[in-house]
Amino acid sequence: MPVPLAPYPTPPAPYTPPPPANAAQSQLVCSGCRNLLLYPVGATSVCCAVCNAVTAVPPPGTEMAQLVCGGCHTLLMYIRGATSVQCSCCHTVNLALEG
């Protein structure tokens, strides 16, 4: 009696070593799950390891600031100089006070 063959498992993705400790990194908030992501300077987009959402990186030279939403305590990042920031989670409008 013939034995059915099982398909080969999918090979794992190739290992990509983390950047050296002294490599320049920046950070942004994931557009999917709102986790803080670290990425190497020069990247154009970042894929979140938690939710797999791809977040576009702002163009070089864009100064970013961050604040914690007064409504839901989510970390928000915004372009420096904005006077208010609306939370994408709870829609609270937060005043962006530069200190």
C-alpha atoms as a PDB file:
ATOM      1  CA  MET A   1       0.000   0.000   0.000  1.00  0.00           C
ATOM      2  CA  PRO A   2       1.551   3.362  -1.020  1.00  0.00           C
ATOM      3  CA  VAL A   3       2.348   5.916   1.664  1.00  0.00           C
ATOM      4  CA  PRO A   4       1.294   9.496   0.820  1.00  0.00           C
ATOM      5  CA  LEU A   5       4.150  11.970   0.699  1.00  0.00           C
ATOM      6  CA  ALA A   6       4.051  15.013   2.924  1.00  0.00           C
ATOM      7  CA  PRO A   7       4.983  18.319   1.267  1.00  0.00           C
ATOM      8  CA  TYR A   8       8.330  19.782   2.157  1.00  0.00           C
ATOM      9  CA  PRO A   9       8.076  22.447   4.866  1.00  0.00           C
ATOM     10  CA  THR A  10       8.671  25.995   3.744  1.00  0.00           C
ATOM     11  CA  PRO A  11      12.294  26.946   4.312  1.00  0.00           C
ATOM     12  CA  PRO A  12      12.818  29.581   7.002  1.00  0.00           C
ATOM     13  CA  ALA A  13      13.551  33.148   5.951  1.00  0.00           C
ATOM     14  CA  PRO A  14      17.272  33.874   5.696  1.00  0.00           C
ATOM     15  CA  TYR A  15      18.782  35.258   8.876  1.00  0.00           C
ATOM     16  CA  THR A  16      19.432  38.980   8.781  1.00  0.00           C
ATOM     17  CA  PRO A  17      21.842  39.962  11.537  1.00  0.00           C
ATOM     18  CA  PRO A  18      20.958  43.057  13.566  1.00  0.00           C
ATOM     19  CA  PRO A  19      22.934  46.195  12.755  1.00  0.00           C
ATOM     20  CA  PRO A  20      26.094  46.794  14.786  1.00  0.00           C
ATOM     21  CA  ALA A  21      25.569  48.508  18.135  1.00  0.00           C
ATOM     22  CA  ASN A  22      27.244  51.672  16.857  1.00  0.00           C
ATOM     23  CA  ALA A  23      25.065  51.948  13.696  1.00  0.00           C
ATOM     24  CA  ALA A  24      22.853  55.036  13.546  1.00  0.00           C
ATOM     25  CA  GLN A  25      19.215  54.250  14.296  1.00  0.00           C
ATOM     26  CA  SER A  26      16.009  56.195  14.457  1.00  0.00           C
ATOM     27  CA  GLN A  27      12.537  55.386  15.752  1.00  0.00           C
ATOM     28  CA  LEU A  28       8.896  55.712  14.755  1.00  0.00           C
ATOM     29  CA  VAL A  29       5.522  54.401  15.864  1.00  0.00           C
ATOM     30  CA  CYS A  30       4.057  51.404  13.999  1.00  0.00           C
ATOM     31  CA  SER A  31       1.038  52.374  11.900  1.00  0.00           C
ATOM     32  CA  GLY A  32      -0.629  49.070  12.801  1.00  0.00           C
ATOM     33  CA  CYS A  33      -0.177  48.286  16.490  1.00  0.00           C
ATOM     34  CA  ARG A  34       1.358  51.585  17.714  1.00  0.00           C
ATOM     35  CA  ASN A  35       4.512  49.908  19.098  1.00  0.00           C
ATOM     36  CA  LEU A  36       7.720  51.921  18.997  1.00  0.00           C
ATOM     37  CA  LEU A  37       9.981  50.651  16.179  1.00  0.00           C
ATOM     38  CA  LEU A  38      13.740  51.131  15.843  1.00  0.00           C
ATOM     39  CA  TYR A  39      15.176  51.129  12.326  1.00  0.00           C
ATOM     40  CA  PRO A  40      18.511  51.891  10.640  1.00  0.00           C
ATOM     41  CA  VAL A  41      18.901  55.434   9.331  1.00  0.00           C
ATOM     42  CA  GLY A  42      18.363  55.441   5.571  1.00  0.00           C
ATOM     43  CA  ALA A  43      15.491  52.933   5.534  1.00  0.00           C
ATOM     44  CA  THR A  44      12.416  54.031   3.569  1.00  0.00           C
ATOM     45  CA  SER A  45       9.927  51.752   5.340  1.00  0.00           C
ATOM     46  CA  VAL A  46       9.842  49.495   8.400  1.00  0.00           C
ATOM     47  CA  CYS A  47       7.979  46.191   8.817  1.00  0.00           C
ATOM     48  CA  CYS A  48       6.732  45.613  12.370  1.00  0.00           C
ATOM     49  CA  ALA A  49       7.782  42.270  13.858  1.00  0.00           C
ATOM     50  CA  VAL A  50       4.615  42.174  15.994  1.00  0.00           C
ATOM     51  CA  CYS A  51       1.797  42.905  13.502  1.00  0.00           C
ATOM     52  CA  ASN A  52       3.660  42.873  10.127  1.00  0.00           C
ATOM     53  CA  ALA A  53       2.339  46.334   9.209  1.00  0.00           C
ATOM     54  CA  VAL A  54       4.670  48.311   6.940  1.00  0.00           C
ATOM     55  CA  THR A  55       5.158  51.917   8.072  1.00  0.00           C
ATOM     56  CA  ALA A  56       6.676  54.544   5.771  1.00  0.00           C
ATOM     57  CA  VAL A  57       9.651  56.447   7.175  1.00  0.00           C
ATOM     58  CA  PRO A  58       9.400  60.266   6.969  1.00  0.00           C
ATOM     59  CA  PRO A  59      11.807  61.881   4.464  1.00  0.00           C
ATOM     60  CA  PRO A  60      15.330  62.636   5.747  1.00  0.00           C
ATOM     61  CA  GLY A  61      15.574  65.927   7.587  1.00  0.00           C
ATOM     62  CA  THR A  62      11.998  65.808   8.887  1.00  0.00           C
ATOM     63  CA  GLU A  63      12.161  66.712  12.569  1.00  0.00           C
ATOM     64  CA  MET A  64       9.800  64.585  14.611  1.00  0.00           C
ATOM     65  CA  ALA A  65       8.526  65.041  18.150  1.00  0.00           C
ATOM     66  CA  GLN A  66       6.429  62.781  20.344  1.00  0.00           C
ATOM     67  CA  LEU A  67       3.795  63.080  23.038  1.00  0.00           C
ATOM     68  CA  VAL A  68       1.535  60.773  25.027  1.00  0.00           C
ATOM     69  CA  CYS A  69      -2.161  61.059  24.156  1.00  0.00           C
ATOM     70  CA  GLY A  70      -4.215  62.550  26.985  1.00  0.00           C
ATOM     71  CA  GLY A  71      -7.153  60.308  26.115  1.00  0.00           C
ATOM     72  CA  CYS A  72      -5.701  56.807  25.773  1.00  0.00           C
ATOM     73  CA  HIS A  73      -2.005  57.212  26.730  1.00  0.00           C
ATOM     74  CA  THR A  74      -0.771  56.042  23.307  1.00  0.00           C
ATOM     75  CA  LEU A  75       2.631  57.370  22.214  1.00  0.00           C
ATOM     76  CA  LEU A  76       2.101  59.718  19.267  1.00  0.00           C
ATOM     77  CA  MET A  77       4.779  60.975  16.891  1.00  0.00           C
ATOM     78  CA  TYR A  78       4.259  64.108  14.834  1.00  0.00           C
ATOM     79  CA  ILE A  79       6.183  66.612  12.725  1.00  0.00           C
ATOM     80  CA  ARG A  80       7.847  69.172  14.990  1.00  0.00           C
ATOM     81  CA  GLY A  81       6.129  72.540  14.804  1.00  0.00           C
ATOM     82  CA  ALA A  82       2.554  71.218  14.767  1.00  0.00           C
ATOM     83  CA  THR A  83       0.284  72.945  17.283  1.00  0.00           C
ATOM     84  CA  SER A  84      -2.091  70.009  17.806  1.00  0.00           C
ATOM     85  CA  VAL A  85      -2.080  66.267  17.130  1.00  0.00           C
ATOM     86  CA  GLN A  86      -5.161  64.075  16.743  1.00  0.00           C
ATOM     87  CA  CYS A  87      -4.783  60.557  18.121  1.00  0.00           C
ATOM     88  CA  SER A  88      -5.458  57.884  15.512  1.00  0.00           C
ATOM     89  CA  CYS A  89      -6.663  55.477  18.226  1.00  0.00           C
ATOM     90  CA  CYS A  90      -9.183  57.510  20.269  1.00  0.00           C
ATOM     91  CA  HIS A  91      -9.387  60.708  18.138  1.00  0.00           C
ATOM     92  CA  THR A  92      -8.529  63.002  21.068  1.00  0.00           C
ATOM     93  CA  VAL A  93      -6.992  66.285  19.901  1.00  0.00           C
ATOM     94  CA  ASN A  94      -3.808  66.889  21.919  1.00  0.00           C
ATOM     95  CA  LEU A  95      -2.006  70.228  22.215  1.00  0.00           C
ATOM     96  CA  ALA A  96       1.589  69.906  21.062  1.00  0.00           C
ATOM     97  CA  LEU A  97       3.518  72.107  23.466  1.00  0.00           C
ATOM     98  CA  GLU A  98       7.210  72.378  22.615  1.00  0.00           C
ATOM     99  CA  GLY A  99       9.378  72.695  25.681  1.00  0.00           C
END
